[in-house]
Amino acid sequence: MEFWLGASFVDAGEYVPLAKAADRLGYDVVTVSDHLFYADYEAPYPYSETGAPPYAEGTHWPDAWVTIGAMAAATDRVRFATNVYVAPARDLFTVAKAVSTAAVLSGDRAILGVGVGWCEDEFRQTGQDFRTRGKRLDEMVPALRELWKGGRVEHHGRFYDHGPLSIAPVPSAPVPVFVGGDSDVALRRAARIGDGWIGNRVYKEDDLSDLLERLKGHLAEHGRTLDDLQVVAPIAKRPSAGLYRKWRERGVSGTLAAPWWMPTDEEEARYSGTDLKIASMERFADEVIAKM
């Protein structure tokens, strides 16, 4: 079982010390989320009853790939993933170059977690078509993989069309692509073109069982099984080594953790800010990761 640190809604200056702590404590991946700007969005947030997003104006959303580069320079082992990067809100080459550069500078420790996004406002400002975002992502992922191989490649598709060209630098190993989202469309996308799947909410165990069955069905349509896809899912139950061993046997290869969301009374009395986050990470590492 891999432990992915869910570092959303933290200040930009905290990412490097959190990454250094994750590197030291045995976490496997540090995740970074993605938004371009805050506004009075016209688009409703789809995961709340009110349609309001769970963050306020002033919440930090640093550029994901710049942040990954900074964290990689300060660490040796831990990997980094976007959870998730709204790739179809950008053009093909912006995504290709940013991810490729981060992968090279990190020593092949970058993971591209992608999603189609919900915020039409962001697509409008970047000049990308919101209505075709899913179809464009389906075409973008294989096009990215070809560009990252190095050498001249060409692509002629419905949304992307370019003659022979190359980008540099390119990573020495393939960049893993994880697909986010738990709609049937997202699960089918993960089964068809993903190296992995990332859950976009915290799942009750019964719901996670049902989701894995849906995912197995979609994988079977492409001659694949759960052994061919890494599954990363937050679980709505008190963390324990036993819990994660059970779900690892059922096909879940990783989980997301942000221990500072559930600090102990002692931690809250003694620490604040970044120190509180790191103290809670240390406790989680001792109580869970070390016992796996």
C-alpha atoms as a PDB file:
ATOM      1  CA  MET A   1       0.000   0.000   0.000  1.00  0.00           C
ATOM      2  CA  GLU A   2       1.340   3.397  -0.991  1.00  0.00           C
ATOM      3  CA  PHE A   3       0.626   6.458   1.119  1.00  0.00           C
ATOM      4  CA  TRP A   4      -0.038   9.646  -0.839  1.00  0.00           C
ATOM      5  CA  LEU A   5       0.067  12.874   1.134  1.00  0.00           C
ATOM      6  CA  GLY A   6      -2.953  14.974   0.163  1.00  0.00           C
ATOM      7  CA  ALA A   7      -1.456  18.448   0.358  1.00  0.00           C
ATOM      8  CA  SER A   8      -4.382  20.554  -0.849  1.00  0.00           C
ATOM      9  CA  PHE A   9      -5.389  23.872   0.722  1.00  0.00           C
ATOM     10  CA  VAL A  10      -1.947  24.532   2.224  1.00  0.00           C
ATOM     11  CA  ASP A  11       0.073  27.703   1.813  1.00  0.00           C
ATOM     12  CA  ALA A  12       2.656  27.678  -0.968  1.00  0.00           C
ATOM     13  CA  GLY A  13       5.514  28.089   1.503  1.00  0.00           C
ATOM     14  CA  GLU A  14       4.571  24.861   3.273  1.00  0.00           C
ATOM     15  CA  TYR A  15       5.061  22.510   0.327  1.00  0.00           C
ATOM     16  CA  VAL A  16       8.836  22.157   0.578  1.00  0.00           C
ATOM     17  CA  PRO A  17       8.958  21.452   4.345  1.00  0.00           C
ATOM     18  CA  LEU A  18       6.035  19.037   4.010  1.00  0.00           C
ATOM     19  CA  ALA A  19       7.779  17.267   1.129  1.00  0.00           C
ATOM     20  CA  LYS A  20      11.000  16.993   3.125  1.00  0.00           C
ATOM     21  CA  ALA A  21       9.049  15.495   6.024  1.00  0.00           C
ATOM     22  CA  ALA A  22       7.273  13.063   3.676  1.00  0.00           C
ATOM     23  CA  ASP A  23      10.632  12.028   2.213  1.00  0.00           C
ATOM     24  CA  ARG A  24      12.001  11.341   5.701  1.00  0.00           C
ATOM     25  CA  LEU A  25       8.926   9.581   7.105  1.00  0.00           C
ATOM     26  CA  GLY A  26       8.230   7.029   4.365  1.00  0.00           C
ATOM     27  CA  TYR A  27       5.309   8.579   2.502  1.00  0.00           C
ATOM     28  CA  ASP A  28       5.376   7.535  -1.138  1.00  0.00           C
ATOM     29  CA  VAL A  29       3.847  10.484  -2.997  1.00  0.00           C
ATOM     30  CA  VAL A  30       3.066  14.144  -2.300  1.00  0.00           C
ATOM     31  CA  THR A  31       0.091  15.470  -4.240  1.00  0.00           C
ATOM     32  CA  VAL A  32      -0.604  18.975  -5.532  1.00  0.00           C
ATOM     33  CA  SER A  33      -4.003  20.202  -6.698  1.00  0.00           C
ATOM     34  CA  ASP A  34      -4.792  22.603  -9.510  1.00  0.00           C
ATOM     35  CA  HIS A  35      -6.862  25.728 -10.034  1.00  0.00           C
ATOM     36  CA  LEU A  36      -6.026  28.775 -12.096  1.00  0.00           C
ATOM     37  CA  PHE A  37      -7.864  31.531 -10.261  1.00  0.00           C
ATOM     38  CA  TYR A  38     -10.645  32.379  -7.823  1.00  0.00           C
ATOM     39  CA  ALA A  39     -13.753  34.288  -8.869  1.00  0.00           C
ATOM     40  CA  ASP A  40     -17.485  34.362  -8.337  1.00  0.00           C
ATOM     41  CA  TYR A  41     -17.692  31.324 -10.563  1.00  0.00           C
ATOM     42  CA  GLU A  42     -20.618  30.983 -12.887  1.00  0.00           C
ATOM     43  CA  ALA A  43     -20.082  27.213 -12.818  1.00  0.00           C
ATOM     44  CA  PRO A  44     -21.429  25.429  -9.700  1.00  0.00           C
ATOM     45  CA  TYR A  45     -19.060  23.228  -7.739  1.00  0.00           C
ATOM     46  CA  PRO A  46     -20.437  19.711  -8.315  1.00  0.00           C
ATOM     47  CA  TYR A  47     -19.418  18.156  -4.983  1.00  0.00           C
ATOM     48  CA  SER A  48     -21.347  20.382  -2.570  1.00  0.00           C
ATOM     49  CA  GLU A  49     -25.065  20.819  -1.974  1.00  0.00           C
ATOM     50  CA  THR A  50     -24.838  24.582  -2.273  1.00  0.00           C
ATOM     51  CA  GLY A  51     -22.665  24.637  -5.402  1.00  0.00           C
ATOM     52  CA  ALA A  52     -20.034  26.679  -3.566  1.00  0.00           C
ATOM     53  CA  PRO A  53     -16.427  25.435  -3.649  1.00  0.00           C
ATOM     54  CA  PRO A  54     -14.845  24.310  -0.337  1.00  0.00           C
ATOM     55  CA  TYR A  55     -12.194  27.026  -0.403  1.00  0.00           C
ATOM     56  CA  ALA A  56     -12.140  30.767  -0.070  1.00  0.00           C
ATOM     57  CA  GLU A  57     -10.601  33.607  -2.005  1.00  0.00           C
ATOM     58  CA  GLY A  58      -6.969  33.759  -0.950  1.00  0.00           C
ATOM     59  CA  THR A  59      -6.544  29.969  -0.771  1.00  0.00           C
ATOM     60  CA  HIS A  60      -3.195  29.188  -2.371  1.00  0.00           C
ATOM     61  CA  TRP A  61      -3.203  27.328  -5.681  1.00  0.00           C
ATOM     62  CA  PRO A  62       0.453  27.471  -6.730  1.00  0.00           C
ATOM     63  CA  ASP A  63       1.364  26.243 -10.172  1.00  0.00           C
ATOM     64  CA  ALA A  64       1.564  22.470  -9.810  1.00  0.00           C
ATOM     65  CA  TRP A  65       4.683  21.860 -11.874  1.00  0.00           C
ATOM     66  CA  VAL A  66       6.693  24.746 -10.427  1.00  0.00           C
ATOM     67  CA  THR A  67       5.786  23.440  -6.963  1.00  0.00           C
ATOM     68  CA  ILE A  68       6.808  19.900  -7.872  1.00  0.00           C
ATOM     69  CA  GLY A  69      10.133  21.200  -9.164  1.00  0.00           C
ATOM     70  CA  ALA A  70      10.788  23.000  -5.870  1.00  0.00           C
ATOM     71  CA  MET A  71       9.866  19.937  -3.792  1.00  0.00           C
ATOM     72  CA  ALA A  72      11.935  17.614  -5.967  1.00  0.00           C
ATOM     73  CA  ALA A  73      15.030  19.782  -5.499  1.00  0.00           C
ATOM     74  CA  ALA A  74      14.702  19.420  -1.719  1.00  0.00           C
ATOM     75  CA  THR A  75      14.088  15.648  -1.586  1.00  0.00           C
ATOM     76  CA  ASP A  76      15.637  12.383  -2.717  1.00  0.00           C
ATOM     77  CA  ARG A  77      13.038   9.616  -2.717  1.00  0.00           C
ATOM     78  CA  VAL A  78       9.395  10.717  -2.515  1.00  0.00           C
ATOM     79  CA  ARG A  79       7.420  11.093  -5.759  1.00  0.00           C
ATOM     80  CA  PHE A  80       4.985  13.813  -6.763  1.00  0.00           C
ATOM     81  CA  ALA A  81       1.561  13.749  -8.382  1.00  0.00           C
ATOM     82  CA  THR A  82      -1.073  16.199  -9.462  1.00  0.00           C
ATOM     83  CA  ASN A  83      -4.458  15.445  -7.911  1.00  0.00           C
ATOM     84  CA  VAL A  84      -5.640  16.427 -10.346  1.00  0.00           C
ATOM     85  CA  TYR A  85      -4.310  18.605 -13.156  1.00  0.00           C
ATOM     86  CA  VAL A  86      -6.991  20.000 -15.439  1.00  0.00           C
ATOM     87  CA  ALA A  87      -5.025  19.209 -18.581  1.00  0.00           C
ATOM     88  CA  PRO A  88      -7.751  20.050 -21.141  1.00  0.00           C
ATOM     89  CA  ALA A  89      -7.838  23.626 -19.809  1.00  0.00           C
ATOM     90  CA  ARG A  90      -4.407  23.942 -21.463  1.00  0.00           C
ATOM     91  CA  ASP A  91      -3.063  23.262 -24.913  1.00  0.00           C
ATOM     92  CA  LEU A  92      -1.195  20.053 -25.711  1.00  0.00           C
ATOM     93  CA  PHE A  93       2.317  21.519 -25.747  1.00  0.00           C
ATOM     94  CA  THR A  94       1.966  23.493 -22.512  1.00  0.00           C
ATOM     95  CA  VAL A  95       1.109  20.243 -20.745  1.00  0.00           C
ATOM     96  CA  ALA A  96       3.751  18.204 -22.556  1.00  0.00           C
ATOM     97  CA  LYS A  97       6.597  20.599 -21.782  1.00  0.00           C
ATOM     98  CA  ALA A  98       5.680  21.300 -18.156  1.00  0.00           C
ATOM     99  CA  VAL A  99       5.275  17.629 -17.224  1.00  0.00           C
ATOM    100  CA  SER A 100       8.324  16.514 -19.158  1.00  0.00           C
ATOM    101  CA  THR A 101      10.538  19.143 -17.532  1.00  0.00           C
ATOM    102  CA  ALA A 102       9.292  18.263 -14.050  1.00  0.00           C
ATOM    103  CA  ALA A 103       9.891  14.562 -14.721  1.00  0.00           C
ATOM    104  CA  VAL A 104      13.463  15.200 -15.893  1.00  0.00           C
ATOM    105  CA  LEU A 105      14.413  17.568 -13.068  1.00  0.00           C
ATOM    106  CA  SER A 106      12.899  15.271 -10.417  1.00  0.00           C
ATOM    107  CA  GLY A 107      14.689  12.167 -11.700  1.00  0.00           C
ATOM    108  CA  ASP A 108      11.519  10.554 -13.045  1.00  0.00           C
ATOM    109  CA  ARG A 109       9.539  11.133  -9.835  1.00  0.00           C
ATOM    110  CA  ALA A 110       6.584  12.918 -11.454  1.00  0.00           C
ATOM    111  CA  ILE A 111       3.096  11.453 -11.895  1.00  0.00           C
ATOM    112  CA  LEU A 112       0.474  13.147 -14.051  1.00  0.00           C
ATOM    113  CA  GLY A 113      -2.927  12.887 -12.401  1.00  0.00           C
ATOM    114  CA  VAL A 114      -5.511  14.280 -14.809  1.00  0.00           C
ATOM    115  CA  GLY A 115      -9.161  15.235 -14.753  1.00  0.00           C
ATOM    116  CA  VAL A 116     -11.566  17.047 -17.026  1.00  0.00           C
ATOM    117  CA  GLY A 117     -12.367  19.755 -14.490  1.00  0.00           C
ATOM    118  CA  TRP A 118     -15.660  21.331 -13.474  1.00  0.00           C
ATOM    119  CA  CYS A 119     -14.957  25.057 -13.683  1.00  0.00           C
ATOM    120  CA  GLU A 120     -16.071  26.344 -17.072  1.00  0.00           C
ATOM    121  CA  ASP A 121     -14.837  29.801 -16.085  1.00  0.00           C
ATOM    122  CA  GLU A 122     -11.228  28.592 -16.243  1.00  0.00           C
ATOM    123  CA  PHE A 123     -11.663  27.103 -19.701  1.00  0.00           C
ATOM    124  CA  ARG A 124     -13.206  30.317 -20.938  1.00  0.00           C
ATOM    125  CA  GLN A 125     -10.195  32.345 -19.797  1.00  0.00           C
ATOM    126  CA  THR A 126      -7.653  29.956 -21.362  1.00  0.00           C
ATOM    127  CA  GLY A 127      -9.526  29.762 -24.657  1.00  0.00           C
ATOM    128  CA  GLN A 128     -10.226  26.020 -24.412  1.00  0.00           C
ATOM    129  CA  ASP A 129     -13.607  24.467 -25.240  1.00  0.00           C
ATOM    130  CA  PHE A 130     -15.304  23.256 -22.068  1.00  0.00           C
ATOM    131  CA  ARG A 131     -17.814  21.107 -23.938  1.00  0.00           C
ATOM    132  CA  THR A 132     -15.145  18.943 -25.602  1.00  0.00           C
ATOM    133  CA  ARG A 133     -12.823  18.645 -22.607  1.00  0.00           C
ATOM    134  CA  GLY A 134     -13.369  14.909 -22.114  1.00  0.00           C
ATOM    135  CA  LYS A 135     -12.844  14.004 -25.747  1.00  0.00           C
ATOM    136  CA  ARG A 136      -9.788  16.233 -25.904  1.00  0.00           C
ATOM    137  CA  LEU A 137      -8.303  14.572 -22.813  1.00  0.00           C
ATOM    138  CA  ASP A 138      -8.857  11.164 -24.425  1.00  0.00           C
ATOM    139  CA  GLU A 139      -6.838  12.320 -27.421  1.00  0.00           C
ATOM    140  CA  MET A 140      -4.297  14.303 -25.420  1.00  0.00           C
ATOM    141  CA  VAL A 141      -2.994  11.453 -23.228  1.00  0.00           C
ATOM    142  CA  PRO A 142      -1.684   9.218 -26.047  1.00  0.00           C
ATOM    143  CA  ALA A 143      -0.332  12.302 -27.840  1.00  0.00           C
ATOM    144  CA  LEU A 144       1.586  13.276 -24.696  1.00  0.00           C
ATOM    145  CA  ARG A 145       3.045   9.801 -24.362  1.00  0.00           C
ATOM    146  CA  GLU A 146       4.374   9.957 -27.904  1.00  0.00           C
ATOM    147  CA  LEU A 147       5.943  13.385 -27.338  1.00  0.00           C
ATOM    148  CA  TRP A 148       7.632  12.182 -24.145  1.00  0.00           C
ATOM    149  CA  LYS A 149       9.377   9.332 -25.982  1.00  0.00           C
ATOM    150  CA  GLY A 150      11.699  11.822 -27.659  1.00  0.00           C
ATOM    151  CA  GLY A 151      12.562  12.176 -31.305  1.00  0.00           C
ATOM    152  CA  ARG A 152      10.288  13.529 -33.979  1.00  0.00           C
ATOM    153  CA  VAL A 153       6.646  12.553 -33.846  1.00  0.00           C
ATOM    154  CA  GLU A 154       3.530  13.698 -35.636  1.00  0.00           C
ATOM    155  CA  HIS A 155      -0.115  13.548 -34.666  1.00  0.00           C
ATOM    156  CA  HIS A 156      -3.221  14.011 -36.765  1.00  0.00           C
ATOM    157  CA  GLY A 157      -6.419  13.828 -34.752  1.00  0.00           C
ATOM    158  CA  ARG A 158      -9.713  15.564 -34.322  1.00  0.00           C
ATOM    159  CA  PHE A 159      -8.454  18.119 -31.794  1.00  0.00           C
ATOM    160  CA  TYR A 160      -4.665  18.065 -32.128  1.00  0.00           C
ATOM    161  CA  ASP A 161      -2.814  18.143 -35.412  1.00  0.00           C
ATOM    162  CA  HIS A 162       0.903  18.637 -35.845  1.00  0.00           C
ATOM    163  CA  GLY A 163       3.579  17.546 -38.261  1.00  0.00           C
ATOM    164  CA  PRO A 164       6.949  16.012 -37.362  1.00  0.00           C
ATOM    165  CA  LEU A 165       8.466  17.738 -34.325  1.00  0.00           C
ATOM    166  CA  SER A 166      10.200  16.957 -31.062  1.00  0.00           C
ATOM    167  CA  ILE A 167      10.386  18.374 -27.560  1.00  0.00           C
ATOM    168  CA  ALA A 168      13.326  18.290 -25.168  1.00  0.00           C
ATOM    169  CA  PRO A 169      14.147  17.394 -22.514  1.00  0.00           C
ATOM    170  CA  VAL A 170      12.162  14.175 -22.234  1.00  0.00           C
ATOM    171  CA  PRO A 171      12.093  11.767 -19.275  1.00  0.00           C
ATOM    172  CA  SER A 172      14.130   8.573 -19.282  1.00  0.00           C
ATOM    173  CA  ALA A 173      11.081   6.563 -18.165  1.00  0.00           C
ATOM    174  CA  PRO A 174       7.374   6.838 -19.039  1.00  0.00           C
ATOM    175  CA  VAL A 175       5.429   9.332 -16.938  1.00  0.00           C
ATOM    176  CA  PRO A 176       2.585   7.466 -15.190  1.00  0.00           C
ATOM    177  CA  VAL A 177      -0.842   8.887 -16.025  1.00  0.00           C
ATOM    178  CA  PHE A 178      -3.562   8.549 -13.375  1.00  0.00           C
ATOM    179  CA  VAL A 179      -7.154   9.454 -14.196  1.00  0.00           C
ATOM    180  CA  GLY A 180      -9.264  11.145 -11.535  1.00  0.00           C
ATOM    181  CA  GLY A 181     -13.021  11.044 -11.000  1.00  0.00           C
ATOM    182  CA  ASP A 182     -15.590   8.379 -10.184  1.00  0.00           C
ATOM    183  CA  SER A 183     -18.251   8.914 -12.826  1.00  0.00           C
ATOM    184  CA  ASP A 184     -18.697   6.061 -15.279  1.00  0.00           C
ATOM    185  CA  VAL A 185     -17.075   8.213 -17.946  1.00  0.00           C
ATOM    186  CA  ALA A 186     -14.017   8.781 -15.745  1.00  0.00           C
ATOM    187  CA  LEU A 187     -13.780   5.103 -14.776  1.00  0.00           C
ATOM    188  CA  ARG A 188     -14.015   4.054 -18.418  1.00  0.00           C
ATOM    189  CA  ARG A 189     -11.265   6.541 -19.259  1.00  0.00           C
ATOM    190  CA  ALA A 190      -9.042   5.156 -16.508  1.00  0.00           C
ATOM    191  CA  ALA A 191      -9.674   1.593 -17.690  1.00  0.00           C
ATOM    192  CA  ARG A 192      -8.914   2.479 -21.285  1.00  0.00           C
ATOM    193  CA  ILE A 193      -5.861   4.778 -21.090  1.00  0.00           C
ATOM    194  CA  GLY A 194      -4.797   5.078 -17.445  1.00  0.00           C
ATOM    195  CA  ASP A 195      -1.823   3.694 -15.600  1.00  0.00           C
ATOM    196  CA  GLY A 196      -3.811   4.395 -12.466  1.00  0.00           C
ATOM    197  CA  TRP A 197      -6.995   5.855 -11.014  1.00  0.00           C
ATOM    198  CA  ILE A 198      -7.379   8.428  -8.213  1.00  0.00           C
ATOM    199  CA  GLY A 199     -10.575   8.769  -6.202  1.00  0.00           C
ATOM    200  CA  ASN A 200     -11.923  12.293  -5.895  1.00  0.00           C
ATOM    201  CA  ARG A 201     -13.729  11.888  -2.576  1.00  0.00           C
ATOM    202  CA  VAL A 202     -13.426   9.938   0.689  1.00  0.00           C
ATOM    203  CA  TYR A 203     -15.173   6.580   0.251  1.00  0.00           C
ATOM    204  CA  LYS A 204     -17.176   4.524   2.706  1.00  0.00           C
ATOM    205  CA  GLU A 205     -16.112   0.910   2.487  1.00  0.00           C
ATOM    206  CA  ASP A 206     -19.340  -0.298   0.856  1.00  0.00           C
ATOM    207  CA  ASP A 207     -19.090   2.468  -1.736  1.00  0.00           C
ATOM    208  CA  LEU A 208     -15.466   1.601  -2.440  1.00  0.00           C
ATOM    209  CA  SER A 209     -16.396  -2.061  -2.951  1.00  0.00           C
ATOM    210  CA  ASP A 210     -19.061  -1.063  -5.453  1.00  0.00           C
ATOM    211  CA  LEU A 211     -16.659   1.274  -7.223  1.00  0.00           C
ATOM    212  CA  LEU A 212     -14.026  -1.450  -7.589  1.00  0.00           C
ATOM    213  CA  GLU A 213     -16.627  -3.734  -9.166  1.00  0.00           C
ATOM    214  CA  ARG A 214     -17.540  -1.025 -11.659  1.00  0.00           C
ATOM    215  CA  LEU A 215     -13.885  -0.468 -12.414  1.00  0.00           C
ATOM    216  CA  LYS A 216     -13.293  -4.207 -12.909  1.00  0.00           C
ATOM    217  CA  GLY A 217     -16.107  -4.303 -15.448  1.00  0.00           C
ATOM    218  CA  HIS A 218     -14.683  -1.402 -17.442  1.00  0.00           C
ATOM    219  CA  LEU A 219     -11.192  -2.914 -17.333  1.00  0.00           C
ATOM    220  CA  ALA A 220     -12.494  -6.249 -18.602  1.00  0.00           C
ATOM    221  CA  GLU A 221     -13.830  -4.501 -21.716  1.00  0.00           C
ATOM    222  CA  HIS A 222     -10.207  -3.697 -22.588  1.00  0.00           C
ATOM    223  CA  GLY A 223      -8.703  -7.029 -21.597  1.00  0.00           C
ATOM    224  CA  ARG A 224      -7.323  -5.635 -18.350  1.00  0.00           C
ATOM    225  CA  THR A 225      -7.701  -6.382 -14.631  1.00  0.00           C
ATOM    226  CA  LEU A 226      -7.029  -4.480 -11.416  1.00  0.00           C
ATOM    227  CA  ASP A 227      -3.497  -5.885 -11.596  1.00  0.00           C
ATOM    228  CA  ASP A 228      -2.988  -3.617 -14.611  1.00  0.00           C
ATOM    229  CA  LEU A 229      -4.195  -0.435 -12.899  1.00  0.00           C
ATOM    230  CA  GLN A 230      -2.993   1.270  -9.725  1.00  0.00           C
ATOM    231  CA  VAL A 231      -5.952   2.349  -7.595  1.00  0.00           C
ATOM    232  CA  VAL A 232      -5.569   5.210  -5.111  1.00  0.00           C
ATOM    233  CA  ALA A 233      -8.584   5.787  -2.874  1.00  0.00           C
ATOM    234  CA  PRO A 234      -9.146   7.679   0.384  1.00  0.00           C
ATOM    235  CA  ILE A 235     -11.134   5.526   2.836  1.00  0.00           C
ATOM    236  CA  ALA A 236     -13.671   6.903   5.318  1.00  0.00           C
ATOM    237  CA  LYS A 237     -12.569   4.926   8.347  1.00  0.00           C
ATOM    238  CA  ARG A 238     -10.087   5.501  11.138  1.00  0.00           C
ATOM    239  CA  PRO A 239      -6.617   4.833   9.686  1.00  0.00           C
ATOM    240  CA  SER A 240      -4.884   1.633  10.708  1.00  0.00           C
ATOM    241  CA  ALA A 241      -2.394  -0.782   9.205  1.00  0.00           C
ATOM    242  CA  GLY A 242      -5.054  -3.499   9.315  1.00  0.00           C
ATOM    243  CA  LEU A 243      -7.505  -1.403   7.319  1.00  0.00           C
ATOM    244  CA  TYR A 244      -4.990  -0.718   4.585  1.00  0.00           C
ATOM    245  CA  ARG A 245      -3.733  -4.302   4.438  1.00  0.00           C
ATOM    246  CA  LYS A 246      -7.330  -5.445   3.904  1.00  0.00           C
ATOM    247  CA  TRP A 247      -7.898  -3.048   1.032  1.00  0.00           C
ATOM    248  CA  ARG A 248      -4.534  -3.768  -0.518  1.00  0.00           C
ATOM    249  CA  GLU A 249      -5.622  -7.403  -0.800  1.00  0.00           C
ATOM    250  CA  ARG A 250      -8.819  -6.219  -2.528  1.00  0.00           C
ATOM    251  CA  GLY A 251      -6.930  -4.299  -5.196  1.00  0.00           C
ATOM    252  CA  VAL A 252      -6.381  -0.833  -3.723  1.00  0.00           C
ATOM    253  CA  SER A 253      -2.719   0.018  -4.199  1.00  0.00           C
ATOM    254  CA  GLY A 254      -2.644   3.399  -2.479  1.00  0.00           C
ATOM    255  CA  THR A 255      -4.550   5.813  -0.288  1.00  0.00           C
ATOM    256  CA  LEU A 256      -4.555   9.551   0.346  1.00  0.00           C
ATOM    257  CA  ALA A 257      -3.787  10.898   3.802  1.00  0.00           C
ATOM    258  CA  ALA A 258      -3.714  14.397   5.281  1.00  0.00           C
ATOM    259  CA  PRO A 259      -3.154  13.642   8.978  1.00  0.00           C
ATOM    260  CA  TRP A 260      -3.426  17.293  10.040  1.00  0.00           C
ATOM    261  CA  TRP A 261      -7.162  17.187   9.325  1.00  0.00           C
ATOM    262  CA  MET A 262      -7.480  14.969  12.427  1.00  0.00           C
ATOM    263  CA  PRO A 263      -4.876  16.216  14.921  1.00  0.00           C
ATOM    264  CA  THR A 264      -4.766  14.960  18.489  1.00  0.00           C
ATOM    265  CA  ASP A 265      -5.543  17.311  21.359  1.00  0.00           C
ATOM    266  CA  GLU A 266      -1.889  17.203  22.360  1.00  0.00           C
ATOM    267  CA  GLU A 267      -0.741  18.150  18.874  1.00  0.00           C
ATOM    268  CA  GLU A 268      -3.133  21.087  18.759  1.00  0.00           C
ATOM    269  CA  ALA A 269      -1.954  22.259  22.181  1.00  0.00           C
ATOM    270  CA  ARG A 270       1.730  22.098  21.286  1.00  0.00           C
ATOM    271  CA  TYR A 271       1.896  23.039  17.602  1.00  0.00           C
ATOM    272  CA  SER A 272       0.389  25.237  14.929  1.00  0.00           C
ATOM    273  CA  GLY A 273       0.800  25.850  11.217  1.00  0.00           C
ATOM    274  CA  THR A 274       3.455  23.791   9.443  1.00  0.00           C
ATOM    275  CA  ASP A 275       4.745  22.334  12.718  1.00  0.00           C
ATOM    276  CA  LEU A 276       1.291  20.914  13.447  1.00  0.00           C
ATOM    277  CA  LYS A 277       1.111  19.343  10.001  1.00  0.00           C
ATOM    278  CA  ILE A 278       4.517  17.705  10.370  1.00  0.00           C
ATOM    279  CA  ALA A 279       3.776  16.458  13.898  1.00  0.00           C
ATOM    280  CA  SER A 280       0.587  14.782  12.670  1.00  0.00           C
ATOM    281  CA  MET A 281       2.507  13.288   9.730  1.00  0.00           C
ATOM    282  CA  GLU A 282       5.040  11.823  12.164  1.00  0.00           C
ATOM    283  CA  ARG A 283       2.285  10.249  14.260  1.00  0.00           C
ATOM    284  CA  PHE A 284       0.617   8.736  11.172  1.00  0.00           C
ATOM    285  CA  ALA A 285       3.978   7.358  10.005  1.00  0.00           C
ATOM    286  CA  ASP A 286       4.604   5.728  13.407  1.00  0.00           C
ATOM    287  CA  GLU A 287       1.101   4.359  13.880  1.00  0.00           C
ATOM    288  CA  VAL A 288       0.343   3.238  10.332  1.00  0.00           C
ATOM    289  CA  ILE A 289       3.120   3.355   7.745  1.00  0.00           C
ATOM    290  CA  ALA A 290       5.750   1.690   9.985  1.00  0.00           C
ATOM    291  CA  LYS A 291       3.348  -1.183  10.715  1.00  0.00           C
ATOM    292  CA  MET A 292       2.579  -2.102   7.123  1.00  0.00           C
END
